[in-house]
């Protein structure tokens, strides 16, 4: 079994917890009248965080790309809010990219480094 880097463990847990807390928060708004369809999209988006975090723990390569896409989307929607949110999400995106694409993480997700040898 491949050894899971601590950074992947932490990021996975952050995704799972933030997705679950956000989902619980937004599901409480479903009872509000009238029904808003954007709540469905927000809830699905929160589920994506849970899915990516869970499958990153299972060393699925597509899950780290989903995590990166998830935080990139957060950066994009933060442009509709404050400059402070843009800066924070940009920093979080940079951290995700750094830790999810380090050599240890690439090895964990099954990426084989080029050895330079020809076959």
C-alpha atoms as a PDB file:
ATOM      1  CA  UNK A   1       0.000   0.000   0.000  1.00  0.00           C
ATOM      2  CA  UNK A   2       1.241   3.455  -0.866  1.00  0.00           C
ATOM      3  CA  UNK A   3       2.023   5.756   2.025  1.00  0.00           C
ATOM      4  CA  UNK A   4      -0.386   8.686   2.204  1.00  0.00           C
ATOM      5  CA  UNK A   5       1.389  12.053   2.548  1.00  0.00           C
ATOM      6  CA  UNK A   6       0.262  14.029   5.595  1.00  0.00           C
ATOM      7  CA  UNK A   7      -0.607  17.009   3.376  1.00  0.00           C
ATOM      8  CA  UNK A   8      -3.021  14.852   1.369  1.00  0.00           C
ATOM      9  CA  UNK A   9      -4.597  13.590   4.597  1.00  0.00           C
ATOM     10  CA  UNK A  10      -5.050  17.144   5.891  1.00  0.00           C
ATOM     11  CA  UNK A  11      -6.441  18.510   2.611  1.00  0.00           C
ATOM     12  CA  UNK A  12      -8.800  15.536   2.311  1.00  0.00           C
ATOM     13  CA  UNK A  13     -10.113  16.119   5.817  1.00  0.00           C
ATOM     14  CA  UNK A  14     -10.505  19.850   5.156  1.00  0.00           C
ATOM     15  CA  UNK A  15     -12.543  19.097   2.033  1.00  0.00           C
ATOM     16  CA  UNK A  16     -14.737  16.538   3.783  1.00  0.00           C
ATOM     17  CA  UNK A  17     -15.383  18.721   6.825  1.00  0.00           C
ATOM     18  CA  UNK A  18     -15.949  21.955   4.890  1.00  0.00           C
ATOM     19  CA  UNK A  19     -18.232  20.148   2.450  1.00  0.00           C
ATOM     20  CA  UNK A  20     -20.234  18.526   5.250  1.00  0.00           C
ATOM     21  CA  UNK A  21     -20.544  21.714   7.289  1.00  0.00           C
ATOM     22  CA  UNK A  22     -21.486  23.752   4.225  1.00  0.00           C
ATOM     23  CA  UNK A  23     -24.011  21.121   3.173  1.00  0.00           C
ATOM     24  CA  UNK A  24     -25.594  21.052   6.630  1.00  0.00           C
ATOM     25  CA  UNK A  25     -25.759  24.845   6.694  1.00  0.00           C
ATOM     26  CA  UNK A  26     -27.330  25.123   3.247  1.00  0.00           C
ATOM     27  CA  UNK A  27     -29.725  22.215   3.758  1.00  0.00           C
ATOM     28  CA  UNK A  28     -31.253  24.157   6.637  1.00  0.00           C
ATOM     29  CA  UNK A  29     -32.257  26.790   4.076  1.00  0.00           C
ATOM     30  CA  UNK A  30     -34.247  24.264   1.990  1.00  0.00           C
ATOM     31  CA  UNK A  31     -37.300  24.699   4.195  1.00  0.00           C
ATOM     32  CA  UNK A  32     -37.481  28.395   3.349  1.00  0.00           C
ATOM     33  CA  UNK A  33     -40.314  29.421   1.046  1.00  0.00           C
ATOM     34  CA  UNK A  34     -40.196  29.932  -1.885  1.00  0.00           C
ATOM     35  CA  UNK A  35     -37.903  27.157  -3.059  1.00  0.00           C
ATOM     36  CA  UNK A  36     -34.685  28.389  -4.691  1.00  0.00           C
ATOM     37  CA  UNK A  37     -33.108  26.100  -7.270  1.00  0.00           C
ATOM     38  CA  UNK A  38     -29.676  27.590  -6.666  1.00  0.00           C
ATOM     39  CA  UNK A  39     -29.735  25.792  -3.308  1.00  0.00           C
ATOM     40  CA  UNK A  40     -29.648  22.499  -5.227  1.00  0.00           C
ATOM     41  CA  UNK A  41     -26.516  23.621  -7.101  1.00  0.00           C
ATOM     42  CA  UNK A  42     -24.876  24.856  -3.905  1.00  0.00           C
ATOM     43  CA  UNK A  43     -25.623  21.539  -2.190  1.00  0.00           C
ATOM     44  CA  UNK A  44     -24.246  19.555  -5.117  1.00  0.00           C
ATOM     45  CA  UNK A  45     -21.130  21.702  -5.054  1.00  0.00           C
ATOM     46  CA  UNK A  46     -20.681  20.929  -1.353  1.00  0.00           C
ATOM     47  CA  UNK A  47     -21.099  17.237  -2.122  1.00  0.00           C
ATOM     48  CA  UNK A  48     -18.266  17.502  -4.640  1.00  0.00           C
ATOM     49  CA  UNK A  49     -15.957  18.603  -1.824  1.00  0.00           C
ATOM     50  CA  UNK A  50     -16.942  15.546   0.211  1.00  0.00           C
ATOM     51  CA  UNK A  51     -16.498  13.251  -2.795  1.00  0.00           C
ATOM     52  CA  UNK A  52     -13.089  14.657  -3.704  1.00  0.00           C
ATOM     53  CA  UNK A  53     -11.833  14.480  -0.112  1.00  0.00           C
ATOM     54  CA  UNK A  54     -13.071  10.940   0.351  1.00  0.00           C
ATOM     55  CA  UNK A  55     -11.589   9.626  -2.878  1.00  0.00           C
ATOM     56  CA  UNK A  56      -8.307  11.441  -2.330  1.00  0.00           C
ATOM     57  CA  UNK A  57      -7.987   9.318   0.802  1.00  0.00           C
ATOM     58  CA  UNK A  58      -8.402   6.311  -1.498  1.00  0.00           C
ATOM     59  CA  UNK A  59      -5.585   7.606  -3.757  1.00  0.00           C
ATOM     60  CA  UNK A  60      -7.787   8.324  -6.776  1.00  0.00           C
ATOM     61  CA  UNK A  61      -5.960  10.680  -9.119  1.00  0.00           C
ATOM     62  CA  UNK A  62      -9.162  12.181 -10.530  1.00  0.00           C
ATOM     63  CA  UNK A  63     -10.125  13.244  -6.997  1.00  0.00           C
ATOM     64  CA  UNK A  64      -7.113  15.550  -6.618  1.00  0.00           C
ATOM     65  CA  UNK A  65      -8.048  17.197  -9.933  1.00  0.00           C
ATOM     66  CA  UNK A  66     -11.622  17.565  -8.685  1.00  0.00           C
ATOM     67  CA  UNK A  67     -10.296  19.168  -5.489  1.00  0.00           C
ATOM     68  CA  UNK A  68      -8.235  21.605  -7.517  1.00  0.00           C
ATOM     69  CA  UNK A  69     -11.229  22.418  -9.727  1.00  0.00           C
ATOM     70  CA  UNK A  70     -13.394  22.867  -6.625  1.00  0.00           C
ATOM     71  CA  UNK A  71     -11.093  25.455  -5.053  1.00  0.00           C
ATOM     72  CA  UNK A  72     -10.549  27.136  -8.438  1.00  0.00           C
ATOM     73  CA  UNK A  73     -14.306  27.564  -8.745  1.00  0.00           C
ATOM     74  CA  UNK A  74     -14.319  29.072  -5.250  1.00  0.00           C
ATOM     75  CA  UNK A  75     -11.680  31.547  -6.391  1.00  0.00           C
ATOM     76  CA  UNK A  76     -13.803  32.450  -9.401  1.00  0.00           C
ATOM     77  CA  UNK A  77     -16.958  33.140  -7.402  1.00  0.00           C
ATOM     78  CA  UNK A  78     -14.998  35.102  -4.809  1.00  0.00           C
ATOM     79  CA  UNK A  79     -14.473  37.792  -7.475  1.00  0.00           C
ATOM     80  CA  UNK A  80     -18.157  38.661  -6.935  1.00  0.00           C
ATOM     81  CA  UNK A  81     -17.419  39.372  -3.286  1.00  0.00           C
ATOM     82  CA  UNK A  82     -14.504  41.160  -1.667  1.00  0.00           C
ATOM     83  CA  UNK A  83     -10.875  41.530  -2.629  1.00  0.00           C
ATOM     84  CA  UNK A  84     -10.012  39.895   0.688  1.00  0.00           C
ATOM     85  CA  UNK A  85     -11.929  36.730  -0.313  1.00  0.00           C
ATOM     86  CA  UNK A  86     -10.133  36.693  -3.665  1.00  0.00           C
ATOM     87  CA  UNK A  87      -6.762  36.888  -1.906  1.00  0.00           C
ATOM     88  CA  UNK A  88      -7.651  34.135   0.579  1.00  0.00           C
ATOM     89  CA  UNK A  89      -9.001  31.790  -2.100  1.00  0.00           C
ATOM     90  CA  UNK A  90      -5.972  32.465  -4.316  1.00  0.00           C
ATOM     91  CA  UNK A  91      -3.698  31.539  -1.408  1.00  0.00           C
ATOM     92  CA  UNK A  92      -5.704  28.387  -0.679  1.00  0.00           C
ATOM     93  CA  UNK A  93      -5.597  27.431  -4.377  1.00  0.00           C
ATOM     94  CA  UNK A  94      -1.818  27.879  -4.426  1.00  0.00           C
ATOM     95  CA  UNK A  95      -1.499  25.694  -1.317  1.00  0.00           C
ATOM     96  CA  UNK A  96      -3.729  22.986  -2.804  1.00  0.00           C
ATOM     97  CA  UNK A  97      -1.725  22.963  -6.035  1.00  0.00           C
ATOM     98  CA  UNK A  98       1.591  22.912  -4.188  1.00  0.00           C
ATOM     99  CA  UNK A  99       0.724  20.063  -1.840  1.00  0.00           C
ATOM    100  CA  UNK A 100      -1.274  17.957  -4.301  1.00  0.00           C
ATOM    101  CA  UNK A 101       1.441  18.007  -6.952  1.00  0.00           C
ATOM    102  CA  UNK A 102       4.548  17.496  -4.856  1.00  0.00           C
ATOM    103  CA  UNK A 103       6.537  14.342  -5.720  1.00  0.00           C
ATOM    104  CA  UNK A 104       5.179  12.460  -2.680  1.00  0.00           C
ATOM    105  CA  UNK A 105       1.596  13.260  -3.640  1.00  0.00           C
ATOM    106  CA  UNK A 106       2.174  12.364  -7.295  1.00  0.00           C
ATOM    107  CA  UNK A 107       3.581   9.005  -6.212  1.00  0.00           C
ATOM    108  CA  UNK A 108       0.610   8.450  -3.868  1.00  0.00           C
ATOM    109  CA  UNK A 109      -1.854   9.156  -6.661  1.00  0.00           C
ATOM    110  CA  UNK A 110      -0.060   6.696  -8.933  1.00  0.00           C
ATOM    111  CA  UNK A 111       1.905   9.050 -11.152  1.00  0.00           C
ATOM    112  CA  UNK A 112       5.098   7.428 -12.397  1.00  0.00           C
ATOM    113  CA  UNK A 113       8.081   9.716 -12.757  1.00  0.00           C
ATOM    114  CA  UNK A 114       9.944   9.584 -16.035  1.00  0.00           C
ATOM    115  CA  UNK A 115      13.212   7.766 -15.522  1.00  0.00           C
ATOM    116  CA  UNK A 116      14.806   9.049 -18.666  1.00  0.00           C
ATOM    117  CA  UNK A 117      15.370   5.525 -19.934  1.00  0.00           C
ATOM    118  CA  UNK A 118      14.019   4.525 -23.295  1.00  0.00           C
ATOM    119  CA  UNK A 119      12.354   1.203 -23.884  1.00  0.00           C
END
